[in-house]
């Protein structure tokens, strides 16, 4: 074999070797880039859910439209992020855990929507209590008016405290008032009962929602940890 052919063969081998090594390096770089992207998405899921929780708490405190809208927007982003890496999530935590996470998010959203509806009905009842209270005040006289105004005071205490003891105090005062047979006063009592029932349902729903939220946050944090562990492996 001529020297030129040997040189060409040698250079050709090194070029081929460089191409092969470059190909594998490129594939490895692609895998790392993809993994980093998955870590970022997993972190986004955790951060988005923290934003969901923040606006959830703001809405529970202030019941304002802005917090409600922000809650819905961040929850929508959260669900989209989860759908975007569905295959990777299933690989990391398994199909059963993935389905459980999706189900828990759906239940969490459903409880929140139930609370929103609860607050709307509460607002309606408050307005009805104000209207019927004014009518009764205008109609009753002397001792009966004094008794009813005491009931109104207990009603206001109930709206602030929202507890069973205050409700029972109202009920006892109502039943011993001597005006409990009045038609409109009866309607007033029914509205107060409905209002307290909504309060109790609200408390139960808030407790359920917080349990669901803790489960979702646990899923999100575990996913992020697993993705980071794969990077280090």
C-alpha atoms as a PDB file:
ATOM      1  CA  UNK A   1       0.000   0.000   0.000  1.00  0.00           C
ATOM      2  CA  UNK A   2       1.325   3.402  -0.952  1.00  0.00           C
ATOM      3  CA  UNK A   3       2.186   5.956   1.723  1.00  0.00           C
ATOM      4  CA  UNK A   4      -0.496   8.305   0.357  1.00  0.00           C
ATOM      5  CA  UNK A   5      -3.134   5.595   0.667  1.00  0.00           C
ATOM      6  CA  UNK A   6      -1.975   4.837   4.194  1.00  0.00           C
ATOM      7  CA  UNK A   7      -2.232   8.512   5.122  1.00  0.00           C
ATOM      8  CA  UNK A   8      -5.693   8.782   3.587  1.00  0.00           C
ATOM      9  CA  UNK A   9      -6.789   5.647   5.401  1.00  0.00           C
ATOM     10  CA  UNK A  10      -5.399   6.951   8.696  1.00  0.00           C
ATOM     11  CA  UNK A  11      -7.008  10.366   8.300  1.00  0.00           C
ATOM     12  CA  UNK A  12     -10.226   8.707   7.189  1.00  0.00           C
ATOM     13  CA  UNK A  13     -10.270   6.547  10.301  1.00  0.00           C
ATOM     14  CA  UNK A  14      -9.714   9.522  12.599  1.00  0.00           C
ATOM     15  CA  UNK A  15     -12.378  11.516  10.756  1.00  0.00           C
ATOM     16  CA  UNK A  16     -14.795   8.600  11.066  1.00  0.00           C
ATOM     17  CA  UNK A  17     -13.950   8.261  14.750  1.00  0.00           C
ATOM     18  CA  UNK A  18     -14.496  11.992  15.271  1.00  0.00           C
ATOM     19  CA  UNK A  19     -17.870  11.797  13.508  1.00  0.00           C
ATOM     20  CA  UNK A  20     -18.959   8.826  15.647  1.00  0.00           C
ATOM     21  CA  UNK A  21     -17.829  10.486  18.873  1.00  0.00           C
ATOM     22  CA  UNK A  22     -19.476  13.738  17.785  1.00  0.00           C
ATOM     23  CA  UNK A  23     -22.731  11.899  17.066  1.00  0.00           C
ATOM     24  CA  UNK A  24     -22.789  10.291  20.505  1.00  0.00           C
ATOM     25  CA  UNK A  25     -21.843  13.592  22.148  1.00  0.00           C
ATOM     26  CA  UNK A  26     -24.697  15.276  20.272  1.00  0.00           C
ATOM     27  CA  UNK A  27     -27.154  12.591  21.366  1.00  0.00           C
ATOM     28  CA  UNK A  28     -25.966  12.918  24.965  1.00  0.00           C
ATOM     29  CA  UNK A  29     -26.316  16.696  24.780  1.00  0.00           C
ATOM     30  CA  UNK A  30     -29.837  16.297  23.413  1.00  0.00           C
ATOM     31  CA  UNK A  31     -30.723  13.942  26.267  1.00  0.00           C
ATOM     32  CA  UNK A  32     -29.337  16.364  28.857  1.00  0.00           C
ATOM     33  CA  UNK A  33     -31.175  19.289  27.239  1.00  0.00           C
ATOM     34  CA  UNK A  34     -34.417  17.310  27.230  1.00  0.00           C
ATOM     35  CA  UNK A  35     -33.910  16.294  30.849  1.00  0.00           C
ATOM     36  CA  UNK A  36     -33.207  19.885  31.870  1.00  0.00           C
ATOM     37  CA  UNK A  37     -36.383  20.939  30.087  1.00  0.00           C
ATOM     38  CA  UNK A  38     -38.325  18.322  32.038  1.00  0.00           C
ATOM     39  CA  UNK A  39     -36.791  19.554  35.302  1.00  0.00           C
ATOM     40  CA  UNK A  40     -37.858  23.110  34.426  1.00  0.00           C
ATOM     41  CA  UNK A  41     -41.401  21.941  33.651  1.00  0.00           C
ATOM     42  CA  UNK A  42     -41.522  19.944  36.895  1.00  0.00           C
ATOM     43  CA  UNK A  43     -40.392  23.053  38.780  1.00  0.00           C
ATOM     44  CA  UNK A  44     -43.022  25.090  36.918  1.00  0.00           C
ATOM     45  CA  UNK A  45     -45.678  22.643  38.098  1.00  0.00           C
ATOM     46  CA  UNK A  46     -44.602  23.153  41.703  1.00  0.00           C
ATOM     47  CA  UNK A  47     -44.370  26.950  41.360  1.00  0.00           C
ATOM     48  CA  UNK A  48     -47.687  27.230  39.526  1.00  0.00           C
ATOM     49  CA  UNK A  49     -49.419  25.276  42.232  1.00  0.00           C
ATOM     50  CA  UNK A  50     -47.946  27.577  44.871  1.00  0.00           C
ATOM     51  CA  UNK A  51     -49.518  30.458  42.923  1.00  0.00           C
ATOM     52  CA  UNK A  52     -52.814  28.553  42.797  1.00  0.00           C
ATOM     53  CA  UNK A  53     -52.688  28.195  46.592  1.00  0.00           C
ATOM     54  CA  UNK A  54     -51.836  31.869  47.069  1.00  0.00           C
ATOM     55  CA  UNK A  55     -54.830  33.037  45.057  1.00  0.00           C
ATOM     56  CA  UNK A  56     -57.035  30.400  46.687  1.00  0.00           C
ATOM     57  CA  UNK A  57     -56.179  31.855  50.107  1.00  0.00           C
ATOM     58  CA  UNK A  58     -56.706  35.422  48.875  1.00  0.00           C
ATOM     59  CA  UNK A  59     -60.136  34.495  47.559  1.00  0.00           C
ATOM     60  CA  UNK A  60     -61.121  32.803  50.808  1.00  0.00           C
ATOM     61  CA  UNK A  61     -60.104  35.953  52.694  1.00  0.00           C
ATOM     62  CA  UNK A  62     -61.443  38.666  50.385  1.00  0.00           C
ATOM     63  CA  UNK A  63     -63.795  36.835  47.981  1.00  0.00           C
ATOM     64  CA  UNK A  64     -62.695  39.188  45.196  1.00  0.00           C
ATOM     65  CA  UNK A  65     -63.028  38.629  41.463  1.00  0.00           C
ATOM     66  CA  UNK A  66     -59.335  39.220  40.748  1.00  0.00           C
ATOM     67  CA  UNK A  67     -58.206  36.396  43.043  1.00  0.00           C
ATOM     68  CA  UNK A  68     -60.859  34.117  41.550  1.00  0.00           C
ATOM     69  CA  UNK A  69     -59.654  34.857  38.010  1.00  0.00           C
ATOM     70  CA  UNK A  70     -55.982  34.405  38.933  1.00  0.00           C
ATOM     71  CA  UNK A  71     -56.808  31.107  40.630  1.00  0.00           C
ATOM     72  CA  UNK A  72     -58.463  29.798  37.472  1.00  0.00           C
ATOM     73  CA  UNK A  73     -55.646  30.968  35.209  1.00  0.00           C
ATOM     74  CA  UNK A  74     -52.850  29.402  37.247  1.00  0.00           C
ATOM     75  CA  UNK A  75     -54.819  26.182  37.692  1.00  0.00           C
ATOM     76  CA  UNK A  76     -55.291  26.009  33.914  1.00  0.00           C
ATOM     77  CA  UNK A  77     -51.530  26.467  33.396  1.00  0.00           C
ATOM     78  CA  UNK A  78     -50.830  23.776  35.995  1.00  0.00           C
ATOM     79  CA  UNK A  79     -53.059  21.257  34.229  1.00  0.00           C
ATOM     80  CA  UNK A  80     -51.506  22.099  30.850  1.00  0.00           C
ATOM     81  CA  UNK A  81     -47.971  21.622  32.204  1.00  0.00           C
ATOM     82  CA  UNK A  82     -48.940  18.218  33.561  1.00  0.00           C
ATOM     83  CA  UNK A  83     -50.454  17.212  30.215  1.00  0.00           C
ATOM     84  CA  UNK A  84     -47.319  18.405  28.371  1.00  0.00           C
ATOM     85  CA  UNK A  85     -45.075  15.882  30.153  1.00  0.00           C
ATOM     86  CA  UNK A  86     -47.635  13.152  30.775  1.00  0.00           C
ATOM     87  CA  UNK A  87     -45.366  10.372  29.462  1.00  0.00           C
ATOM     88  CA  UNK A  88     -42.424  11.498  31.583  1.00  0.00           C
ATOM     89  CA  UNK A  89     -44.571  11.836  34.716  1.00  0.00           C
ATOM     90  CA  UNK A  90     -45.941   8.317  34.254  1.00  0.00           C
ATOM     91  CA  UNK A  91     -42.389   7.026  33.820  1.00  0.00           C
ATOM     92  CA  UNK A  92     -41.283   8.712  37.034  1.00  0.00           C
ATOM     93  CA  UNK A  93     -44.216   8.056  39.385  1.00  0.00           C
ATOM     94  CA  UNK A  94     -46.254   5.372  37.590  1.00  0.00           C
ATOM     95  CA  UNK A  95     -49.647   5.419  35.900  1.00  0.00           C
ATOM     96  CA  UNK A  96     -51.575   4.854  39.138  1.00  0.00           C
ATOM     97  CA  UNK A  97     -49.972   7.852  40.858  1.00  0.00           C
ATOM     98  CA  UNK A  98     -50.428   9.951  37.727  1.00  0.00           C
ATOM     99  CA  UNK A  99     -54.139   9.105  37.567  1.00  0.00           C
ATOM    100  CA  UNK A 100     -54.440   9.808  41.290  1.00  0.00           C
ATOM    101  CA  UNK A 101     -52.795  13.211  40.848  1.00  0.00           C
ATOM    102  CA  UNK A 102     -55.147  14.130  37.981  1.00  0.00           C
ATOM    103  CA  UNK A 103     -58.157  12.957  39.989  1.00  0.00           C
ATOM    104  CA  UNK A 104     -57.049  14.930  43.059  1.00  0.00           C
ATOM    105  CA  UNK A 105     -56.636  18.111  40.987  1.00  0.00           C
ATOM    106  CA  UNK A 106     -60.127  17.645  39.536  1.00  0.00           C
ATOM    107  CA  UNK A 107     -61.566  17.143  43.034  1.00  0.00           C
ATOM    108  CA  UNK A 108     -59.656  20.156  44.357  1.00  0.00           C
ATOM    109  CA  UNK A 109     -61.050  22.343  41.568  1.00  0.00           C
ATOM    110  CA  UNK A 110     -64.554  20.970  42.164  1.00  0.00           C
ATOM    111  CA  UNK A 111     -64.433  21.813  45.874  1.00  0.00           C
ATOM    112  CA  UNK A 112     -63.212  25.323  45.097  1.00  0.00           C
ATOM    113  CA  UNK A 113     -66.077  25.858  42.629  1.00  0.00           C
ATOM    114  CA  UNK A 114     -68.479  24.556  45.258  1.00  0.00           C
ATOM    115  CA  UNK A 115     -67.153  27.191  47.666  1.00  0.00           C
ATOM    116  CA  UNK A 116     -67.634  29.905  45.055  1.00  0.00           C
ATOM    117  CA  UNK A 117     -71.276  28.857  44.660  1.00  0.00           C
ATOM    118  CA  UNK A 118     -71.653  28.710  48.444  1.00  0.00           C
ATOM    119  CA  UNK A 119     -70.455  32.310  48.776  1.00  0.00           C
ATOM    120  CA  UNK A 120     -72.877  33.472  46.100  1.00  0.00           C
ATOM    121  CA  UNK A 121     -75.803  31.919  47.966  1.00  0.00           C
ATOM    122  CA  UNK A 122     -74.537  33.399  51.243  1.00  0.00           C
ATOM    123  CA  UNK A 123     -74.548  36.838  49.654  1.00  0.00           C
ATOM    124  CA  UNK A 124     -78.092  36.330  48.416  1.00  0.00           C
ATOM    125  CA  UNK A 125     -79.278  35.262  51.872  1.00  0.00           C
ATOM    126  CA  UNK A 126     -77.565  38.258  53.495  1.00  0.00           C
ATOM    127  CA  UNK A 127     -79.508  40.573  51.192  1.00  0.00           C
ATOM    128  CA  UNK A 128     -82.751  38.745  51.929  1.00  0.00           C
ATOM    129  CA  UNK A 129     -82.080  38.949  55.681  1.00  0.00           C
ATOM    130  CA  UNK A 130     -81.558  42.694  55.398  1.00  0.00           C
ATOM    131  CA  UNK A 131     -84.784  43.172  53.445  1.00  0.00           C
ATOM    132  CA  UNK A 132     -86.989  41.028  55.668  1.00  0.00           C
ATOM    133  CA  UNK A 133     -85.345  42.502  58.787  1.00  0.00           C
ATOM    134  CA  UNK A 134     -86.277  46.029  57.679  1.00  0.00           C
ATOM    135  CA  UNK A 135     -89.880  44.972  57.025  1.00  0.00           C
ATOM    136  CA  UNK A 136     -90.200  43.359  60.451  1.00  0.00           C
ATOM    137  CA  UNK A 137     -88.654  46.382  62.195  1.00  0.00           C
ATOM    138  CA  UNK A 138     -91.142  48.707  60.504  1.00  0.00           C
ATOM    139  CA  UNK A 139     -94.097  46.543  61.515  1.00  0.00           C
ATOM    140  CA  UNK A 140     -93.325  45.552  65.119  1.00  0.00           C
ATOM    141  CA  UNK A 141     -93.832  47.903  68.054  1.00  0.00           C
ATOM    142  CA  UNK A 142     -92.567  48.400  71.587  1.00  0.00           C
ATOM    143  CA  UNK A 143     -91.639  45.166  73.385  1.00  0.00           C
ATOM    144  CA  UNK A 144     -91.874  42.979  70.285  1.00  0.00           C
ATOM    145  CA  UNK A 145     -89.541  45.321  68.382  1.00  0.00           C
ATOM    146  CA  UNK A 146     -87.090  45.260  71.277  1.00  0.00           C
ATOM    147  CA  UNK A 147     -87.116  41.452  71.251  1.00  0.00           C
ATOM    148  CA  UNK A 148     -86.564  41.341  67.495  1.00  0.00           C
ATOM    149  CA  UNK A 149     -83.685  43.816  67.675  1.00  0.00           C
ATOM    150  CA  UNK A 150     -82.033  41.491  70.198  1.00  0.00           C
ATOM    151  CA  UNK A 151     -82.409  38.652  67.695  1.00  0.00           C
ATOM    152  CA  UNK A 152     -80.817  40.875  65.030  1.00  0.00           C
ATOM    153  CA  UNK A 153     -77.894  41.506  67.348  1.00  0.00           C
ATOM    154  CA  UNK A 154     -77.416  37.757  67.872  1.00  0.00           C
ATOM    155  CA  UNK A 155     -77.666  37.214  64.124  1.00  0.00           C
ATOM    156  CA  UNK A 156     -74.818  39.689  63.569  1.00  0.00           C
ATOM    157  CA  UNK A 157     -72.740  37.914  66.206  1.00  0.00           C
ATOM    158  CA  UNK A 158     -73.342  34.659  64.354  1.00  0.00           C
ATOM    159  CA  UNK A 159     -72.145  36.157  61.064  1.00  0.00           C
ATOM    160  CA  UNK A 160     -68.894  37.140  62.742  1.00  0.00           C
ATOM    161  CA  UNK A 161     -68.195  34.073  64.886  1.00  0.00           C
ATOM    162  CA  UNK A 162     -69.736  31.377  62.632  1.00  0.00           C
ATOM    163  CA  UNK A 163     -69.721  28.848  65.475  1.00  0.00           C
ATOM    164  CA  UNK A 164     -72.193  26.355  66.908  1.00  0.00           C
ATOM    165  CA  UNK A 165     -72.394  28.000  70.341  1.00  0.00           C
ATOM    166  CA  UNK A 166     -73.450  31.379  68.907  1.00  0.00           C
ATOM    167  CA  UNK A 167     -76.001  29.694  66.678  1.00  0.00           C
ATOM    168  CA  UNK A 168     -77.517  27.831  69.647  1.00  0.00           C
ATOM    169  CA  UNK A 169     -77.698  31.118  71.559  1.00  0.00           C
ATOM    170  CA  UNK A 170     -79.667  32.609  68.671  1.00  0.00           C
ATOM    171  CA  UNK A 171     -81.980  29.572  68.476  1.00  0.00           C
ATOM    172  CA  UNK A 172     -82.683  29.619  72.224  1.00  0.00           C
ATOM    173  CA  UNK A 173     -83.400  33.353  72.156  1.00  0.00           C
ATOM    174  CA  UNK A 174     -85.688  32.912  69.172  1.00  0.00           C
ATOM    175  CA  UNK A 175     -87.696  30.064  70.692  1.00  0.00           C
ATOM    176  CA  UNK A 176     -88.236  31.959  73.941  1.00  0.00           C
ATOM    177  CA  UNK A 177     -88.905  35.308  72.257  1.00  0.00           C
ATOM    178  CA  UNK A 178     -92.698  35.089  72.138  1.00  0.00           C
ATOM    179  CA  UNK A 179     -92.721  36.345  68.525  1.00  0.00           C
ATOM    180  CA  UNK A 180     -91.645  33.101  66.890  1.00  0.00           C
ATOM    181  CA  UNK A 181     -95.154  32.446  65.539  1.00  0.00           C
ATOM    182  CA  UNK A 182     -95.156  35.620  63.450  1.00  0.00           C
ATOM    183  CA  UNK A 183     -95.095  34.632  59.740  1.00  0.00           C
ATOM    184  CA  UNK A 184     -92.305  36.968  58.664  1.00  0.00           C
ATOM    185  CA  UNK A 185     -90.280  36.261  61.817  1.00  0.00           C
ATOM    186  CA  UNK A 186     -90.536  32.555  60.927  1.00  0.00           C
ATOM    187  CA  UNK A 187     -89.155  33.317  57.480  1.00  0.00           C
ATOM    188  CA  UNK A 188     -86.382  35.313  59.101  1.00  0.00           C
ATOM    189  CA  UNK A 189     -85.467  32.293  61.274  1.00  0.00           C
ATOM    190  CA  UNK A 190     -85.408  30.006  58.225  1.00  0.00           C
ATOM    191  CA  UNK A 191     -82.973  32.341  56.490  1.00  0.00           C
ATOM    192  CA  UNK A 192     -80.680  32.420  59.530  1.00  0.00           C
ATOM    193  CA  UNK A 193     -80.775  28.603  59.677  1.00  0.00           C
ATOM    194  CA  UNK A 194     -79.906  28.413  55.981  1.00  0.00           C
ATOM    195  CA  UNK A 195     -77.094  30.885  56.465  1.00  0.00           C
ATOM    196  CA  UNK A 196     -75.541  28.863  59.296  1.00  0.00           C
ATOM    197  CA  UNK A 197     -75.914  25.680  57.240  1.00  0.00           C
ATOM    198  CA  UNK A 198     -73.919  27.321  54.476  1.00  0.00           C
ATOM    199  CA  UNK A 199     -71.255  28.335  57.005  1.00  0.00           C
ATOM    200  CA  UNK A 200     -70.912  24.717  58.147  1.00  0.00           C
ATOM    201  CA  UNK A 201     -70.683  23.473  54.572  1.00  0.00           C
ATOM    202  CA  UNK A 202     -68.090  26.153  53.867  1.00  0.00           C
ATOM    203  CA  UNK A 203     -65.912  24.987  56.743  1.00  0.00           C
ATOM    204  CA  UNK A 204     -66.129  21.346  55.668  1.00  0.00           C
ATOM    205  CA  UNK A 205     -65.297  22.257  52.066  1.00  0.00           C
ATOM    206  CA  UNK A 206     -62.301  24.370  53.091  1.00  0.00           C
ATOM    207  CA  UNK A 207     -60.931  21.478  55.167  1.00  0.00           C
ATOM    208  CA  UNK A 208     -61.418  19.033  52.278  1.00  0.00           C
ATOM    209  CA  UNK A 209     -59.806  21.436  49.819  1.00  0.00           C
ATOM    210  CA  UNK A 210     -56.730  21.901  52.008  1.00  0.00           C
ATOM    211  CA  UNK A 211     -56.266  18.123  52.271  1.00  0.00           C
ATOM    212  CA  UNK A 212     -56.461  17.805  48.479  1.00  0.00           C
ATOM    213  CA  UNK A 213     -54.033  20.715  48.090  1.00  0.00           C
ATOM    214  CA  UNK A 214     -51.469  19.043  50.346  1.00  0.00           C
ATOM    215  CA  UNK A 215     -51.712  15.861  48.278  1.00  0.00           C
ATOM    216  CA  UNK A 216     -51.197  17.766  45.013  1.00  0.00           C
ATOM    217  CA  UNK A 217     -48.232  19.678  46.431  1.00  0.00           C
ATOM    218  CA  UNK A 218     -46.687  16.395  47.587  1.00  0.00           C
ATOM    219  CA  UNK A 219     -47.095  14.932  44.083  1.00  0.00           C
ATOM    220  CA  UNK A 220     -45.514  18.021  42.495  1.00  0.00           C
ATOM    221  CA  UNK A 221     -42.554  18.155  44.891  1.00  0.00           C
ATOM    222  CA  UNK A 222     -41.842  14.425  44.518  1.00  0.00           C
ATOM    223  CA  UNK A 223     -41.922  14.756  40.737  1.00  0.00           C
ATOM    224  CA  UNK A 224     -39.448  17.643  40.828  1.00  0.00           C
ATOM    225  CA  UNK A 225     -37.104  15.690  43.133  1.00  0.00           C
ATOM    226  CA  UNK A 226     -37.203  12.625  40.876  1.00  0.00           C
ATOM    227  CA  UNK A 227     -36.408  14.673  37.760  1.00  0.00           C
ATOM    228  CA  UNK A 228     -33.454  16.319  39.515  1.00  0.00           C
ATOM    229  CA  UNK A 229     -32.219  12.938  40.748  1.00  0.00           C
ATOM    230  CA  UNK A 230     -32.213  11.668  37.139  1.00  0.00           C
ATOM    231  CA  UNK A 231     -30.013  14.608  36.117  1.00  0.00           C
ATOM    232  CA  UNK A 232     -27.456  13.731  38.781  1.00  0.00           C
ATOM    233  CA  UNK A 233     -27.530  10.001  37.987  1.00  0.00           C
END
